[in-house]
Amino acid sequence: MGEKNKYGYKHNDGHYSKMTGNETNSSYSIYDKNPSEKNHSAIHININTNNGKGSIVEHGSDGKTTKTDTSCYLTSACMRHFKNQFDDNCYELRILRWFRDNFVSKEDIEHYYEIAPTIVEAINKEEKSNLIYDYIYDNVVDYCVAQIENGNYDEAYARYKNSILCFEESIAKPFLEQKFVKTLKRVRA
């Protein structure tokens, strides 16, 4: 690493990086050049360390911004599947968002956004999390997109809803029970 100034650390290749935050919120920013210069691009990774929710915000030099919610297991599965080529506006996520906005009940959407961060947190703690995300991509994301493309909206909805319930029961619930037991042990100690 190179010199440090008010914009963060200037690296040998000219890009800057900066870590900011406090006990509950952290942000790591990477800039392609000095952020005070016009037409710079940046990536900001924001994490709330209390609840595990976060986002990745990309600002292009063209002024366009994309935001990825890192607490969505469908997005996380796409991120792992596409690796370096991931785009929060990829075809699969656009189709799933359209489907969500047009066919999924408000109650199911609210439930997903309540439980998905816990599912993501639990999966990320697993040693073989990549295998789980591959499974989610193949059996939820890709499957639902194919059903939506073919007009099988009821089938896509059923798979989406069942995946939430299944992952809640098999992944989130045991994870929360473990956290609860650890918390109780700390309180008693």
Protein backbone atom coordinates (compact mmCIF):
# COMPACT_ATOMS: atom_id res chain seq x y z
CA MET A 1 0.00 0.00 0.00
CA GLY A 2 1.05 3.52 -0.63
CA GLU A 3 0.46 6.78 1.14
CA LYS A 4 -2.60 7.59 3.22
CA ASN A 5 -4.58 10.83 2.85
CA LYS A 6 -8.15 12.00 3.48
CA TYR A 7 -9.38 9.81 0.59
CA GLY A 8 -7.88 6.64 2.05
CA TYR A 9 -4.84 4.70 0.90
CA LYS A 10 -3.41 5.41 -2.52
CA HIS A 11 -2.17 2.17 -4.05
CA ASN A 12 0.75 1.85 -6.43
CA ASP A 13 -1.54 1.40 -9.45
CA GLY A 14 -3.40 4.64 -8.62
CA HIS A 15 -6.58 3.27 -7.07
CA TYR A 16 -7.72 4.26 -3.57
CA SER A 17 -9.25 2.21 -0.78
CA LYS A 18 -10.81 3.35 2.47
CA MET A 19 -12.39 1.61 5.46
CA THR A 20 -14.83 3.58 7.58
CA GLY A 21 -17.40 2.77 10.23
CA ASN A 22 -18.13 2.21 13.85
CA GLU A 23 -19.18 -0.69 16.10
CA THR A 24 -22.33 -1.44 14.09
CA ASN A 25 -21.78 -0.17 10.55
CA SER A 26 -18.73 -0.68 8.38
CA SER A 27 -18.01 0.45 4.85
CA TYR A 28 -15.14 -0.47 2.58
CA SER A 29 -14.74 1.71 -0.51
CA ILE A 30 -12.57 1.19 -3.56
CA TYR A 31 -12.05 3.99 -6.09
CA ASP A 32 -10.40 3.60 -9.49
CA LYS A 33 -8.60 6.93 -8.94
CA ASN A 34 -8.69 9.88 -6.57
CA PRO A 35 -12.38 10.26 -5.64
CA SER A 36 -12.12 14.05 -5.83
CA GLU A 37 -11.54 13.77 -9.60
CA LYS A 38 -14.47 13.79 -12.00
CA ASN A 39 -15.58 10.59 -13.74
CA HIS A 40 -14.18 8.22 -11.15
CA SER A 41 -15.80 4.87 -10.48
CA ALA A 42 -16.19 3.24 -7.10
CA ILE A 43 -17.47 0.20 -5.26
CA HIS A 44 -18.78 0.59 -1.71
CA ILE A 45 -19.37 -2.49 0.44
CA ASN A 46 -21.59 -1.63 3.41
CA ILE A 47 -22.27 -4.02 6.29
CA ASN A 48 -24.30 -3.63 9.47
CA THR A 49 -22.40 -5.91 11.85
CA ASN A 50 -25.36 -6.20 14.23
CA ASN A 51 -27.81 -7.75 11.78
CA GLY A 52 -25.56 -8.87 8.92
CA LYS A 53 -27.46 -6.81 6.36
CA GLY A 54 -25.50 -4.98 3.77
CA SER A 55 -25.16 -3.82 0.22
CA ILE A 56 -22.67 -3.45 -2.57
CA VAL A 57 -23.05 -0.14 -4.39
CA GLU A 58 -21.23 0.35 -7.69
CA HIS A 59 -20.82 3.83 -9.18
CA GLY A 60 -19.63 3.84 -12.76
CA SER A 61 -17.62 6.65 -14.30
CA ASP A 62 -20.67 7.15 -16.55
CA GLY A 63 -22.77 8.14 -13.51
CA LYS A 64 -24.79 4.92 -13.44
CA THR A 65 -25.27 3.23 -10.06
CA THR A 66 -26.24 -0.33 -9.21
CA LYS A 67 -27.00 -1.64 -5.75
CA THR A 68 -26.90 -5.26 -4.63
CA ASP A 69 -28.57 -6.29 -1.40
CA THR A 70 -26.22 -8.83 0.16
CA SER A 71 -28.91 -10.16 2.48
CA CYS A 72 -30.94 -11.75 -0.34
CA TYR A 73 -30.11 -15.42 -0.84
CA LEU A 74 -31.29 -15.36 -4.45
CA THR A 75 -28.91 -12.48 -5.22
CA SER A 76 -26.14 -14.20 -3.26
CA ALA A 77 -26.66 -17.37 -5.33
CA CYS A 78 -26.39 -15.34 -8.55
CA MET A 79 -23.28 -13.59 -7.25
CA ARG A 80 -21.61 -16.93 -6.55
CA HIS A 81 -22.76 -18.43 -9.86
CA PHE A 82 -21.58 -15.58 -12.08
CA LYS A 83 -18.51 -14.76 -9.95
CA ASN A 84 -16.57 -11.87 -11.54
CA GLN A 85 -19.20 -11.38 -14.26
CA PHE A 86 -22.01 -10.75 -11.74
CA ASP A 87 -24.27 -7.80 -12.42
CA ASP A 88 -27.08 -6.91 -10.02
CA ASN A 89 -29.13 -6.16 -13.10
CA CYS A 90 -28.51 -9.58 -14.67
CA TYR A 91 -31.28 -11.23 -16.67
CA GLU A 92 -32.21 -13.69 -13.91
CA LEU A 93 -32.62 -11.04 -11.22
CA ARG A 94 -34.57 -8.75 -13.55
CA ILE A 95 -37.00 -11.61 -14.32
CA LEU A 96 -37.34 -12.52 -10.62
CA ARG A 97 -37.92 -8.89 -9.62
CA TRP A 98 -40.58 -8.52 -12.33
CA PHE A 99 -42.23 -11.71 -11.11
CA ARG A 100 -42.05 -10.55 -7.47
CA ASP A 101 -43.60 -7.20 -8.33
CA ASN A 102 -46.40 -8.69 -10.42
CA PHE A 103 -47.27 -12.07 -8.89
CA VAL A 104 -45.93 -12.54 -5.36
CA SER A 105 -48.21 -11.55 -2.48
CA LYS A 106 -47.18 -8.69 -0.22
CA GLU A 107 -47.15 -11.07 2.76
CA ASP A 108 -44.78 -13.49 1.01
CA ILE A 109 -42.47 -10.64 -0.02
CA GLU A 110 -42.39 -9.31 3.55
CA HIS A 111 -41.71 -12.80 4.90
CA TYR A 112 -38.86 -13.30 2.42
CA TYR A 113 -37.18 -10.04 3.42
CA GLU A 114 -37.57 -10.92 7.10
CA ILE A 115 -36.03 -14.40 6.86
CA ALA A 116 -33.61 -14.09 3.89
CA PRO A 117 -30.87 -12.25 5.84
CA THR A 118 -30.82 -15.03 8.44
CA ILE A 119 -30.68 -17.66 5.68
CA VAL A 120 -27.75 -15.82 4.04
CA GLU A 121 -25.95 -15.47 7.37
CA ALA A 122 -26.43 -19.16 8.13
CA ILE A 123 -25.30 -20.29 4.66
CA ASN A 124 -22.23 -18.07 4.82
CA LYS A 125 -21.18 -19.79 8.07
CA GLU A 126 -21.30 -23.20 6.36
CA GLU A 127 -18.03 -24.75 5.25
CA LYS A 128 -19.55 -25.72 1.89
CA SER A 129 -21.58 -22.57 1.31
CA ASN A 130 -20.67 -22.58 -2.40
CA LEU A 131 -22.46 -25.91 -2.85
CA ILE A 132 -25.57 -24.51 -1.17
CA TYR A 133 -25.55 -21.41 -3.37
CA ASP A 134 -25.04 -23.61 -6.46
CA TYR A 135 -28.09 -25.63 -5.38
CA ILE A 136 -30.13 -22.44 -4.87
CA TYR A 137 -29.09 -21.09 -8.26
CA ASP A 138 -29.91 -24.33 -10.10
CA ASN A 139 -33.06 -25.30 -8.21
CA VAL A 140 -34.64 -21.95 -7.36
CA VAL A 141 -33.25 -19.13 -9.50
CA ASP A 142 -32.72 -20.96 -12.80
CA TYR A 143 -35.78 -23.19 -12.33
CA CYS A 144 -38.10 -20.26 -11.52
CA VAL A 145 -36.77 -18.19 -14.43
CA ALA A 146 -37.43 -21.09 -16.84
CA GLN A 147 -40.98 -21.51 -15.47
CA ILE A 148 -41.63 -17.75 -15.75
CA GLU A 149 -40.33 -17.71 -19.33
CA ASN A 150 -42.75 -20.52 -20.16
CA GLY A 151 -45.68 -18.79 -18.48
CA ASN A 152 -45.86 -21.34 -15.66
CA TYR A 153 -46.33 -18.67 -13.00
CA ASP A 154 -48.04 -20.95 -10.47
CA GLU A 155 -45.14 -23.42 -10.65
CA ALA A 156 -42.57 -20.62 -10.27
CA TYR A 157 -44.50 -19.19 -7.30
CA ALA A 158 -44.74 -22.61 -5.65
CA ARG A 159 -40.99 -23.24 -6.01
CA TYR A 160 -40.15 -19.74 -4.74
CA LYS A 161 -42.45 -20.04 -1.72
CA ASN A 162 -41.43 -23.61 -0.91
CA SER A 163 -37.75 -22.67 -1.08
CA ILE A 164 -38.30 -19.97 1.51
CA LEU A 165 -40.13 -22.33 3.84
CA CYS A 166 -37.61 -25.13 3.31
CA PHE A 167 -34.55 -22.92 3.89
CA GLU A 168 -36.22 -21.31 6.88
CA GLU A 169 -36.82 -24.72 8.47
CA SER A 170 -33.58 -26.47 7.47
CA ILE A 171 -31.07 -23.60 7.60
CA ALA A 172 -32.36 -20.54 9.45
CA LYS A 173 -34.13 -22.24 12.35
CA PRO A 174 -31.17 -24.42 13.47
CA PHE A 175 -28.83 -21.46 13.03
CA LEU A 176 -31.01 -19.21 15.20
CA GLU A 177 -31.31 -21.96 17.82
CA GLN A 178 -27.50 -22.21 17.97
CA LYS A 179 -27.17 -18.45 18.33
CA PHE A 180 -29.79 -18.44 21.08
CA VAL A 181 -28.00 -21.19 23.02
CA LYS A 182 -24.65 -19.38 22.69
CA THR A 183 -26.25 -16.16 23.93
CA LEU A 184 -27.81 -17.95 26.90
CA LYS A 185 -24.46 -19.50 27.81
CA ARG A 186 -22.78 -16.08 27.69
CA VAL A 187 -25.50 -14.52 29.84
CA ARG A 188 -25.22 -17.30 32.44
CA ALA A 189 -21.41 -17.15 32.56
